[in-house]
Amino acid sequence: MTNAELALSVDTSDEWIRQRTGILERRIAGENETTADLGTRAAEAALRHAGVSAGTIDLVIVATATPNETFPATATRIQASLGMTRGAAFDVQAVCTGFVYGLAIADNFIKVGQAENVLVIGAETFSRILDWEDRGTCVLFGDGAGAVVLQGSESRGGPEERGILSTHIHSDGRHHDALYVDGGPSSTGTVGHLRMEGREVFRHAVVRMSEAIDQALEHNHLTPGDIDWLVPHQANMRIIEAMGRRLHLPAERVVCTVDRHANTSAASIPLALWEAVGDGRIKEGDMVMLEGMGGGFTWGSALVRW
């Protein structure tokens, strides 16, 4: 759905959206497509890319704020679609930081020996919770899914090793009213619509994501000059540019898909990763910084040697 198409049904314009967000278009799930459908296709692509069969996966973690149903977990729907009859599957709800939370959980499951092969999926159908008459929110979001496979291996530790070097996750529930959905089973008995105070979210996003980046660098005794790629949550072009400046990275070293995907919440980081790996930009051995922030507020970072 392009900005021009959106402007046919809501009081906005292509110029207004571009100037404020950098978004040109977004993808909208089909009428009969669910979050599990999108997540399954992303999972299948990740398994093919990794050369791993679904039967070897011990754990499926799905980061989503738009599950198929209140229960069971969307992860179990994807598990069944993949033909898996072993292991465990569950959802993680941290909105736009969900994929980073999922990586943190998967990393720790592997470290303590409870899993060897983990599928982490970010999948969303945010179009189902948007108020399509609210131009302040409906222009910002899209639908999509992305996935990665994590495998445990023996290592000496240290930043020269491939894999997840560290993850850092945070939340502060005092900011609930800045970004939330005004419905739910326990409160209204309805699904509700997304509500957001844009300026407040923007202000906190720049500060909190900068803190998460600094924390990852400090923990691994690295400097911004050690980072090859920034793969940020794709919410707003101005926030993405600010994070790139924080790491002193030129624009070509910051992976940006917000112009075509809009904000796909928990799916945005893996979608951006898939594009940058697929076109050859991110190569084996590159140091990659992932970071995001979402409703809650939640925020976090993950430092990865690809």
C-alpha atoms as a PDB file:
ATOM      1  CA  MET A   1       0.000   0.000   0.000  1.00  0.00           C
ATOM      2  CA  THR A   2       1.627   3.223  -1.171  1.00  0.00           C
ATOM      3  CA  ASN A   3       1.214   6.585   0.517  1.00  0.00           C
ATOM      4  CA  ALA A   4      -0.872   7.735  -2.429  1.00  0.00           C
ATOM      5  CA  GLU A   5      -3.243   4.797  -1.981  1.00  0.00           C
ATOM      6  CA  LEU A   6      -3.507   5.503   1.728  1.00  0.00           C
ATOM      7  CA  ALA A   7      -4.296   9.164   1.035  1.00  0.00           C
ATOM      8  CA  LEU A   8      -7.458   8.063  -0.779  1.00  0.00           C
ATOM      9  CA  SER A   9      -9.033   6.924   2.491  1.00  0.00           C
ATOM     10  CA  VAL A  10      -7.454   9.127   5.191  1.00  0.00           C
ATOM     11  CA  ASP A  11      -6.632  12.856   5.441  1.00  0.00           C
ATOM     12  CA  THR A  12      -2.932  12.689   4.587  1.00  0.00           C
ATOM     13  CA  SER A  13      -0.574  12.955   1.629  1.00  0.00           C
ATOM     14  CA  ASP A  14       2.517  11.293   0.264  1.00  0.00           C
ATOM     15  CA  GLU A  15       4.562  14.426   1.043  1.00  0.00           C
ATOM     16  CA  TRP A  16       3.294  14.635   4.641  1.00  0.00           C
ATOM     17  CA  ILE A  17       4.215  11.000   5.358  1.00  0.00           C
ATOM     18  CA  ARG A  18       7.598  11.132   3.600  1.00  0.00           C
ATOM     19  CA  GLN A  19       8.745  14.275   5.397  1.00  0.00           C
ATOM     20  CA  ARG A  20       7.836  13.036   8.864  1.00  0.00           C
ATOM     21  CA  THR A  21       8.731   9.361   8.634  1.00  0.00           C
ATOM     22  CA  GLY A  22      10.629   8.503   5.455  1.00  0.00           C
ATOM     23  CA  ILE A  23       7.959   5.894   4.626  1.00  0.00           C
ATOM     24  CA  LEU A  24       6.937   5.479   0.983  1.00  0.00           C
ATOM     25  CA  GLU A  25       4.903   2.274   1.180  1.00  0.00           C
ATOM     26  CA  ARG A  26       4.040  -0.679   3.409  1.00  0.00           C
ATOM     27  CA  ARG A  27       2.823  -4.273   2.997  1.00  0.00           C
ATOM     28  CA  ILE A  28      -0.630  -5.319   4.204  1.00  0.00           C
ATOM     29  CA  ALA A  29      -1.518  -8.961   4.890  1.00  0.00           C
ATOM     30  CA  GLY A  30      -4.233 -10.487   2.756  1.00  0.00           C
ATOM     31  CA  GLU A  31      -7.726 -10.919   4.145  1.00  0.00           C
ATOM     32  CA  ASN A  32      -7.118 -14.570   5.032  1.00  0.00           C
ATOM     33  CA  GLU A  33      -3.441 -14.251   5.989  1.00  0.00           C
ATOM     34  CA  THR A  34      -2.561 -14.488   9.683  1.00  0.00           C
ATOM     35  CA  THR A  35       0.515 -13.752  11.738  1.00  0.00           C
ATOM     36  CA  ALA A  36       1.191 -17.501  11.840  1.00  0.00           C
ATOM     37  CA  ASP A  37       1.030 -17.697   8.035  1.00  0.00           C
ATOM     38  CA  LEU A  38       3.619 -14.944   7.664  1.00  0.00           C
ATOM     39  CA  GLY A  39       5.775 -16.391  10.444  1.00  0.00           C
ATOM     40  CA  THR A  40       5.709 -19.859   8.902  1.00  0.00           C
ATOM     41  CA  ARG A  41       6.964 -18.585   5.551  1.00  0.00           C
ATOM     42  CA  ALA A  42       9.746 -16.626   7.255  1.00  0.00           C
ATOM     43  CA  ALA A  43      10.684 -19.700   9.302  1.00  0.00           C
ATOM     44  CA  GLU A  44      10.828 -21.896   6.213  1.00  0.00           C
ATOM     45  CA  ALA A  45      13.097 -19.392   4.475  1.00  0.00           C
ATOM     46  CA  ALA A  46      15.402 -19.181   7.513  1.00  0.00           C
ATOM     47  CA  LEU A  47      15.644 -22.975   7.774  1.00  0.00           C
ATOM     48  CA  ARG A  48      16.508 -23.265   4.083  1.00  0.00           C
ATOM     49  CA  HIS A  49      19.114 -20.522   4.371  1.00  0.00           C
ATOM     50  CA  ALA A  50      20.686 -22.199   7.411  1.00  0.00           C
ATOM     51  CA  GLY A  51      20.567 -25.673   5.872  1.00  0.00           C
ATOM     52  CA  VAL A  52      18.706 -26.988   8.911  1.00  0.00           C
ATOM     53  CA  SER A  53      15.603 -29.180   9.007  1.00  0.00           C
ATOM     54  CA  ALA A  54      12.604 -28.325  11.183  1.00  0.00           C
ATOM     55  CA  GLY A  55      13.009 -31.689  12.916  1.00  0.00           C
ATOM     56  CA  THR A  56      16.273 -30.548  14.540  1.00  0.00           C
ATOM     57  CA  ILE A  57      14.755 -27.423  16.153  1.00  0.00           C
ATOM     58  CA  ASP A  58      14.413 -27.619  19.947  1.00  0.00           C
ATOM     59  CA  LEU A  59      12.638 -24.341  20.544  1.00  0.00           C
ATOM     60  CA  VAL A  60      10.451 -21.913  18.561  1.00  0.00           C
ATOM     61  CA  ILE A  61      10.167 -18.367  19.906  1.00  0.00           C
ATOM     62  CA  VAL A  62       7.765 -15.990  18.185  1.00  0.00           C
ATOM     63  CA  ALA A  63       7.960 -12.290  18.996  1.00  0.00           C
ATOM     64  CA  THR A  64       4.594 -10.752  18.209  1.00  0.00           C
ATOM     65  CA  ALA A  65       2.080  -8.226  19.507  1.00  0.00           C
ATOM     66  CA  THR A  66      -0.554  -9.436  17.030  1.00  0.00           C
ATOM     67  CA  PRO A  67      -1.037 -13.163  17.707  1.00  0.00           C
ATOM     68  CA  ASN A  68      -3.544 -15.277  15.813  1.00  0.00           C
ATOM     69  CA  GLU A  69      -5.540 -15.809  18.994  1.00  0.00           C
ATOM     70  CA  THR A  70      -5.391 -14.949  22.693  1.00  0.00           C
ATOM     71  CA  PHE A  71      -4.246 -18.567  23.078  1.00  0.00           C
ATOM     72  CA  PRO A  72      -2.719 -20.898  22.137  1.00  0.00           C
ATOM     73  CA  ALA A  73       0.592 -19.258  21.310  1.00  0.00           C
ATOM     74  CA  THR A  74       1.109 -18.384  17.661  1.00  0.00           C
ATOM     75  CA  ALA A  75       4.443 -20.191  17.995  1.00  0.00           C
ATOM     76  CA  THR A  76       2.588 -23.488  18.412  1.00  0.00           C
ATOM     77  CA  ARG A  77       0.637 -22.830  15.203  1.00  0.00           C
ATOM     78  CA  ILE A  78       3.911 -22.271  13.375  1.00  0.00           C
ATOM     79  CA  GLN A  79       5.442 -25.341  15.036  1.00  0.00           C
ATOM     80  CA  ALA A  80       2.593 -27.476  13.678  1.00  0.00           C
ATOM     81  CA  SER A  81       2.808 -25.892  10.219  1.00  0.00           C
ATOM     82  CA  LEU A  82       6.501 -26.796  10.079  1.00  0.00           C
ATOM     83  CA  GLY A  83       5.663 -30.416  10.895  1.00  0.00           C
ATOM     84  CA  MET A  84       7.471 -30.335  14.239  1.00  0.00           C
ATOM     85  CA  THR A  85       6.413 -32.813  16.930  1.00  0.00           C
ATOM     86  CA  ARG A  86       9.225 -32.205  19.428  1.00  0.00           C
ATOM     87  CA  GLY A  87      10.638 -29.340  21.427  1.00  0.00           C
ATOM     88  CA  ALA A  88       8.762 -26.325  22.798  1.00  0.00           C
ATOM     89  CA  ALA A  89       7.169 -23.225  21.339  1.00  0.00           C
ATOM     90  CA  PHE A  90       5.990 -19.979  22.921  1.00  0.00           C
ATOM     91  CA  ASP A  91       5.352 -16.306  22.185  1.00  0.00           C
ATOM     92  CA  VAL A  92       7.178 -13.233  23.504  1.00  0.00           C
ATOM     93  CA  GLN A  93       5.375  -9.897  23.795  1.00  0.00           C
ATOM     94  CA  ALA A  94       7.689  -6.882  23.902  1.00  0.00           C
ATOM     95  CA  VAL A  95       6.187  -5.112  20.864  1.00  0.00           C
ATOM     96  CA  CYS A  96       8.900  -3.524  18.691  1.00  0.00           C
ATOM     97  CA  THR A  97      11.714  -4.827  20.921  1.00  0.00           C
ATOM     98  CA  GLY A  98      10.277  -8.330  20.729  1.00  0.00           C
ATOM     99  CA  PHE A  99      12.863  -9.744  18.350  1.00  0.00           C
ATOM    100  CA  VAL A 100      15.749  -8.581  20.565  1.00  0.00           C
ATOM    101  CA  TYR A 101      13.962 -10.117  23.577  1.00  0.00           C
ATOM    102  CA  GLY A 102      13.566 -13.339  21.581  1.00  0.00           C
ATOM    103  CA  LEU A 103      17.265 -13.418  20.757  1.00  0.00           C
ATOM    104  CA  ALA A 104      18.139 -12.860  24.417  1.00  0.00           C
ATOM    105  CA  ILE A 105      15.938 -15.755  25.526  1.00  0.00           C
ATOM    106  CA  ALA A 106      17.238 -18.074  22.798  1.00  0.00           C
ATOM    107  CA  ASP A 107      20.851 -17.172  23.560  1.00  0.00           C
ATOM    108  CA  ASN A 108      20.414 -18.020  27.222  1.00  0.00           C
ATOM    109  CA  PHE A 109      18.543 -21.278  26.537  1.00  0.00           C
ATOM    110  CA  ILE A 110      21.516 -22.367  24.426  1.00  0.00           C
ATOM    111  CA  LYS A 111      24.094 -21.199  26.966  1.00  0.00           C
ATOM    112  CA  VAL A 112      22.573 -23.218  29.811  1.00  0.00           C
ATOM    113  CA  GLY A 113      22.253 -26.306  27.628  1.00  0.00           C
ATOM    114  CA  GLN A 114      18.447 -26.458  27.368  1.00  0.00           C
ATOM    115  CA  ALA A 115      18.452 -26.089  23.580  1.00  0.00           C
ATOM    116  CA  GLU A 116      20.860 -26.589  20.694  1.00  0.00           C
ATOM    117  CA  ASN A 117      18.883 -25.235  17.737  1.00  0.00           C
ATOM    118  CA  VAL A 118      16.427 -22.369  18.190  1.00  0.00           C
ATOM    119  CA  LEU A 119      14.155 -20.668  15.680  1.00  0.00           C
ATOM    120  CA  VAL A 120      13.461 -17.014  16.540  1.00  0.00           C
ATOM    121  CA  ILE A 121      10.698 -15.348  14.547  1.00  0.00           C
ATOM    122  CA  GLY A 122       9.369 -11.786  14.511  1.00  0.00           C
ATOM    123  CA  ALA A 123       5.917 -11.697  12.906  1.00  0.00           C
ATOM    124  CA  GLU A 124       3.173  -9.077  12.882  1.00  0.00           C
ATOM    125  CA  THR A 125      -0.134  -8.165  11.263  1.00  0.00           C
ATOM    126  CA  PHE A 126      -0.349  -4.669  12.728  1.00  0.00           C
ATOM    127  CA  SER A 127      -2.909  -3.692  10.087  1.00  0.00           C
ATOM    128  CA  ARG A 128      -5.485  -5.572  12.213  1.00  0.00           C
ATOM    129  CA  ILE A 129      -5.078  -3.257  15.232  1.00  0.00           C
ATOM    130  CA  LEU A 130      -4.833   0.098  13.438  1.00  0.00           C
ATOM    131  CA  ASP A 131      -7.482   2.794  13.481  1.00  0.00           C
ATOM    132  CA  TRP A 132      -7.552   3.519   9.763  1.00  0.00           C
ATOM    133  CA  GLU A 133      -9.105   6.940  10.421  1.00  0.00           C
ATOM    134  CA  ASP A 134      -6.212   8.049  12.639  1.00  0.00           C
ATOM    135  CA  ARG A 135      -3.588   9.485  10.304  1.00  0.00           C
ATOM    136  CA  GLY A 136      -1.129   9.828  13.171  1.00  0.00           C
ATOM    137  CA  THR A 137      -0.798   6.046  13.488  1.00  0.00           C
ATOM    138  CA  CYS A 138      -2.191   4.200  10.469  1.00  0.00           C
ATOM    139  CA  VAL A 139       0.433   5.669   8.120  1.00  0.00           C
ATOM    140  CA  LEU A 140       3.305   4.328  10.224  1.00  0.00           C
ATOM    141  CA  PHE A 141       2.819   0.557  10.300  1.00  0.00           C
ATOM    142  CA  GLY A 142       2.881  -2.474   8.048  1.00  0.00           C
ATOM    143  CA  ASP A 143       2.749  -6.265   8.173  1.00  0.00           C
ATOM    144  CA  GLY A 144       5.576  -8.768   7.781  1.00  0.00           C
ATOM    145  CA  ALA A 145       7.727 -11.499   9.292  1.00  0.00           C
ATOM    146  CA  GLY A 146      11.388 -12.463   9.519  1.00  0.00           C
ATOM    147  CA  ALA A 147      13.298 -15.255  11.229  1.00  0.00           C
ATOM    148  CA  VAL A 148      16.749 -16.524  12.203  1.00  0.00           C
ATOM    149  CA  VAL A 149      18.131 -19.889  13.278  1.00  0.00           C
ATOM    150  CA  LEU A 150      20.527 -19.975  16.237  1.00  0.00           C
ATOM    151  CA  GLN A 151      22.796 -22.971  16.798  1.00  0.00           C
ATOM    152  CA  GLY A 152      24.947 -23.653  19.832  1.00  0.00           C
ATOM    153  CA  SER A 153      28.666 -24.365  19.394  1.00  0.00           C
ATOM    154  CA  GLU A 154      31.754 -24.504  21.559  1.00  0.00           C
ATOM    155  CA  SER A 155      33.706 -21.249  21.673  1.00  0.00           C
ATOM    156  CA  ARG A 156      36.399 -19.512  23.684  1.00  0.00           C
ATOM    157  CA  GLY A 157      34.334 -16.365  24.012  1.00  0.00           C
ATOM    158  CA  GLY A 158      35.378 -12.862  23.013  1.00  0.00           C
ATOM    159  CA  PRO A 159      34.402 -10.461  20.232  1.00  0.00           C
ATOM    160  CA  GLU A 160      36.285 -12.412  17.546  1.00  0.00           C
ATOM    161  CA  GLU A 161      33.863 -15.357  17.859  1.00  0.00           C
ATOM    162  CA  ARG A 162      30.862 -15.650  15.529  1.00  0.00           C
ATOM    163  CA  GLY A 163      27.382 -15.526  16.983  1.00  0.00           C
ATOM    164  CA  ILE A 164      25.611 -13.466  19.626  1.00  0.00           C
ATOM    165  CA  LEU A 165      28.180 -11.654  21.761  1.00  0.00           C
ATOM    166  CA  SER A 166      25.702 -10.130  24.188  1.00  0.00           C
ATOM    167  CA  THR A 167      22.092  -9.004  24.574  1.00  0.00           C
ATOM    168  CA  HIS A 168      20.714  -6.208  26.757  1.00  0.00           C
ATOM    169  CA  ILE A 169      16.997  -5.802  27.421  1.00  0.00           C
ATOM    170  CA  HIS A 170      15.071  -3.255  29.506  1.00  0.00           C
ATOM    171  CA  SER A 171      11.569  -1.989  30.240  1.00  0.00           C
ATOM    172  CA  ASP A 172       9.850   0.846  32.103  1.00  0.00           C
ATOM    173  CA  GLY A 173       6.117   0.393  32.567  1.00  0.00           C
ATOM    174  CA  ARG A 174       5.524   3.960  33.696  1.00  0.00           C
ATOM    175  CA  HIS A 175       5.211   5.056  30.059  1.00  0.00           C
ATOM    176  CA  HIS A 176       2.239   2.843  29.204  1.00  0.00           C
ATOM    177  CA  ASP A 177       0.056   5.673  27.928  1.00  0.00           C
ATOM    178  CA  ALA A 178       2.576   6.835  25.320  1.00  0.00           C
ATOM    179  CA  LEU A 179       2.149   3.723  23.174  1.00  0.00           C
ATOM    180  CA  TYR A 180      -0.513   1.090  23.770  1.00  0.00           C
ATOM    181  CA  VAL A 181      -3.581  -0.695  22.398  1.00  0.00           C
ATOM    182  CA  ASP A 182      -6.860   0.412  23.967  1.00  0.00           C
ATOM    183  CA  GLY A 183      -8.323  -3.051  24.372  1.00  0.00           C
ATOM    184  CA  GLY A 184      -7.710  -6.600  25.515  1.00  0.00           C
ATOM    185  CA  PRO A 185      -9.424  -9.717  26.942  1.00  0.00           C
ATOM    186  CA  SER A 186      -9.038  -8.662  30.593  1.00  0.00           C
ATOM    187  CA  SER A 187      -9.876  -4.973  30.184  1.00  0.00           C
ATOM    188  CA  THR A 188     -12.434  -4.372  27.445  1.00  0.00           C
ATOM    189  CA  GLY A 189     -13.054  -7.799  25.961  1.00  0.00           C
ATOM    190  CA  THR A 190     -12.149  -6.369  22.562  1.00  0.00           C
ATOM    191  CA  VAL A 191      -9.019  -6.261  20.412  1.00  0.00           C
ATOM    192  CA  GLY A 192      -8.745  -2.455  20.487  1.00  0.00           C
ATOM    193  CA  HIS A 193      -6.680  -0.053  18.376  1.00  0.00           C
ATOM    194  CA  LEU A 194      -3.140   1.233  18.627  1.00  0.00           C
ATOM    195  CA  ARG A 195      -2.774   4.654  20.306  1.00  0.00           C
ATOM    196  CA  MET A 196       0.425   6.674  20.401  1.00  0.00           C
ATOM    197  CA  GLU A 197       1.854   9.983  21.567  1.00  0.00           C
ATOM    198  CA  GLY A 198       4.339  10.392  18.740  1.00  0.00           C
ATOM    199  CA  ARG A 199       6.551  13.121  20.179  1.00  0.00           C
ATOM    200  CA  GLU A 200       6.902  11.368  23.523  1.00  0.00           C
ATOM    201  CA  VAL A 201       7.828   8.079  21.852  1.00  0.00           C
ATOM    202  CA  PHE A 202      10.359   9.805  19.579  1.00  0.00           C
ATOM    203  CA  ARG A 203      12.050  11.540  22.524  1.00  0.00           C
ATOM    204  CA  HIS A 204      12.399   8.358  24.561  1.00  0.00           C
ATOM    205  CA  ALA A 205      13.424   6.254  21.549  1.00  0.00           C
ATOM    206  CA  VAL A 206      16.511   8.332  20.788  1.00  0.00           C
ATOM    207  CA  VAL A 207      17.655   8.317  24.421  1.00  0.00           C
ATOM    208  CA  ARG A 208      16.886   4.687  25.273  1.00  0.00           C
ATOM    209  CA  MET A 209      18.244   3.134  22.096  1.00  0.00           C
ATOM    210  CA  SER A 210      21.426   5.170  22.442  1.00  0.00           C
ATOM    211  CA  GLU A 211      21.802   3.795  25.970  1.00  0.00           C
ATOM    212  CA  ALA A 212      21.314   0.241  24.705  1.00  0.00           C
ATOM    213  CA  ILE A 213      23.984   0.721  22.033  1.00  0.00           C
ATOM    214  CA  ASP A 214      26.446   2.137  24.569  1.00  0.00           C
ATOM    215  CA  GLN A 215      25.731  -0.741  26.942  1.00  0.00           C
ATOM    216  CA  ALA A 216      26.526  -3.347  24.282  1.00  0.00           C
ATOM    217  CA  LEU A 217      29.757  -1.611  23.319  1.00  0.00           C
ATOM    218  CA  GLU A 218      30.897  -1.218  26.922  1.00  0.00           C
ATOM    219  CA  HIS A 219      30.047  -4.813  27.807  1.00  0.00           C
ATOM    220  CA  ASN A 220      32.182  -6.119  24.936  1.00  0.00           C
ATOM    221  CA  HIS A 221      34.995  -3.563  25.360  1.00  0.00           C
ATOM    222  CA  LEU A 222      34.404  -2.201  21.869  1.00  0.00           C
ATOM    223  CA  THR A 223      34.130   1.263  20.325  1.00  0.00           C
ATOM    224  CA  PRO A 224      31.788   2.574  17.627  1.00  0.00           C
ATOM    225  CA  GLY A 225      34.620   2.099  15.152  1.00  0.00           C
ATOM    226  CA  ASP A 226      34.372  -1.674  15.649  1.00  0.00           C
ATOM    227  CA  ILE A 227      30.818  -1.820  14.314  1.00  0.00           C
ATOM    228  CA  ASP A 228      30.396  -2.722  10.641  1.00  0.00           C
ATOM    229  CA  TRP A 229      26.596  -2.524  10.403  1.00  0.00           C
ATOM    230  CA  LEU A 230      23.710  -1.072  12.342  1.00  0.00           C
ATOM    231  CA  VAL A 231      20.411  -2.908  11.878  1.00  0.00           C
ATOM    232  CA  PRO A 232      17.922  -0.847  13.879  1.00  0.00           C
ATOM    233  CA  HIS A 233      14.225  -1.225  14.487  1.00  0.00           C
ATOM    234  CA  GLN A 234      12.562   0.401  11.491  1.00  0.00           C
ATOM    235  CA  ALA A 235      10.213   2.967  13.026  1.00  0.00           C
ATOM    236  CA  ASN A 236      11.148   6.366  11.646  1.00  0.00           C
ATOM    237  CA  MET A 237      13.879   7.580   9.307  1.00  0.00           C
ATOM    238  CA  ARG A 238      14.920  10.384  11.667  1.00  0.00           C
ATOM    239  CA  ILE A 239      15.420   7.958  14.566  1.00  0.00           C
ATOM    240  CA  ILE A 240      17.393   5.589  12.335  1.00  0.00           C
ATOM    241  CA  GLU A 241      19.645   8.420  11.175  1.00  0.00           C
ATOM    242  CA  ALA A 242      20.196   9.541  14.776  1.00  0.00           C
ATOM    243  CA  MET A 243      21.309   6.030  15.763  1.00  0.00           C
ATOM    244  CA  GLY A 244      23.709   5.918  12.819  1.00  0.00           C
ATOM    245  CA  ARG A 245      25.262   9.188  13.929  1.00  0.00           C
ATOM    246  CA  ARG A 246      25.598   7.759  17.429  1.00  0.00           C
ATOM    247  CA  LEU A 247      27.873   5.058  16.027  1.00  0.00           C
ATOM    248  CA  HIS A 248      29.595   7.445  13.599  1.00  0.00           C
ATOM    249  CA  LEU A 249      28.472   5.194  10.756  1.00  0.00           C
ATOM    250  CA  PRO A 250      27.936   6.515   7.210  1.00  0.00           C
ATOM    251  CA  ALA A 251      24.407   6.084   5.875  1.00  0.00           C
ATOM    252  CA  GLU A 252      25.479   3.190   3.661  1.00  0.00           C
ATOM    253  CA  ARG A 253      26.417   1.186   6.788  1.00  0.00           C
ATOM    254  CA  VAL A 254      22.960   1.580   8.338  1.00  0.00           C
ATOM    255  CA  VAL A 255      20.416  -0.930   7.050  1.00  0.00           C
ATOM    256  CA  CYS A 256      17.174   0.879   6.313  1.00  0.00           C
ATOM    257  CA  THR A 257      13.954  -0.657   5.008  1.00  0.00           C
ATOM    258  CA  VAL A 258      11.426   1.666   6.666  1.00  0.00           C
ATOM    259  CA  ASP A 259      10.797   3.394   3.332  1.00  0.00           C
ATOM    260  CA  ARG A 260       9.326   0.177   1.884  1.00  0.00           C
ATOM    261  CA  HIS A 261       8.172  -1.799   4.918  1.00  0.00           C
ATOM    262  CA  ALA A 262       7.126   0.958   7.358  1.00  0.00           C
ATOM    263  CA  ASN A 263       7.144  -0.091  11.023  1.00  0.00           C
ATOM    264  CA  THR A 264       6.542  -3.847  11.235  1.00  0.00           C
ATOM    265  CA  SER A 265       7.190  -3.951  15.000  1.00  0.00           C
ATOM    266  CA  ALA A 266       8.869  -7.238  16.034  1.00  0.00           C
ATOM    267  CA  ALA A 267       9.379  -8.170  12.369  1.00  0.00           C
ATOM    268  CA  SER A 268      11.348  -5.069  11.407  1.00  0.00           C
ATOM    269  CA  ILE A 269      14.840  -6.115  12.541  1.00  0.00           C
ATOM    270  CA  PRO A 270      14.782  -9.624  11.012  1.00  0.00           C
ATOM    271  CA  LEU A 271      13.275  -8.241   7.786  1.00  0.00           C
ATOM    272  CA  ALA A 272      16.112  -5.711   7.545  1.00  0.00           C
ATOM    273  CA  LEU A 273      18.654  -8.435   8.357  1.00  0.00           C
ATOM    274  CA  TRP A 274      17.244 -10.688   5.643  1.00  0.00           C
ATOM    275  CA  GLU A 275      17.545  -7.957   3.043  1.00  0.00           C
ATOM    276  CA  ALA A 276      21.114  -6.972   3.973  1.00  0.00           C
ATOM    277  CA  VAL A 277      22.338 -10.570   4.171  1.00  0.00           C
ATOM    278  CA  GLY A 278      20.492 -11.522   1.005  1.00  0.00           C
ATOM    279  CA  ASP A 279      21.999  -8.751  -1.103  1.00  0.00           C
ATOM    280  CA  GLY A 280      25.500  -9.428   0.214  1.00  0.00           C
ATOM    281  CA  ARG A 281      26.014  -6.320   2.312  1.00  0.00           C
ATOM    282  CA  ILE A 282      26.380  -8.188   5.608  1.00  0.00           C
ATOM    283  CA  LYS A 283      29.093 -10.815   5.276  1.00  0.00           C
ATOM    284  CA  GLU A 284      30.505 -13.502   7.543  1.00  0.00           C
ATOM    285  CA  GLY A 285      32.682 -11.959  10.249  1.00  0.00           C
ATOM    286  CA  ASP A 286      30.958  -8.550  10.194  1.00  0.00           C
ATOM    287  CA  MET A 287      30.107  -6.951  13.534  1.00  0.00           C
ATOM    288  CA  VAL A 288      26.389  -6.144  13.576  1.00  0.00           C
ATOM    289  CA  MET A 289      24.515  -4.026  16.115  1.00  0.00           C
ATOM    290  CA  LEU A 290      20.779  -4.682  16.492  1.00  0.00           C
ATOM    291  CA  GLU A 291      18.631  -2.338  18.568  1.00  0.00           C
ATOM    292  CA  GLY A 292      15.026  -1.416  19.112  1.00  0.00           C
ATOM    293  CA  MET A 293      12.381   0.161  21.300  1.00  0.00           C
ATOM    294  CA  GLY A 294       8.679  -0.479  21.681  1.00  0.00           C
ATOM    295  CA  GLY A 295       5.574   0.029  23.764  1.00  0.00           C
ATOM    296  CA  GLY A 296       5.844  -0.670  27.433  1.00  0.00           C
ATOM    297  CA  PHE A 297       8.312   1.015  27.127  1.00  0.00           C
ATOM    298  CA  THR A 298      10.706  -1.783  26.197  1.00  0.00           C
ATOM    299  CA  TRP A 299      14.119  -1.367  24.612  1.00  0.00           C
ATOM    300  CA  GLY A 300      17.288  -3.320  24.038  1.00  0.00           C
ATOM    301  CA  SER A 301      20.250  -4.255  21.876  1.00  0.00           C
ATOM    302  CA  ALA A 302      22.062  -7.318  20.634  1.00  0.00           C
ATOM    303  CA  LEU A 303      25.631  -7.391  19.350  1.00  0.00           C
ATOM    304  CA  VAL A 304      26.319 -10.109  16.800  1.00  0.00           C
ATOM    305  CA  ARG A 305      29.398 -11.303  14.938  1.00  0.00           C
ATOM    306  CA  TRP A 306      27.803 -12.593  11.720  1.00  0.00           C
END
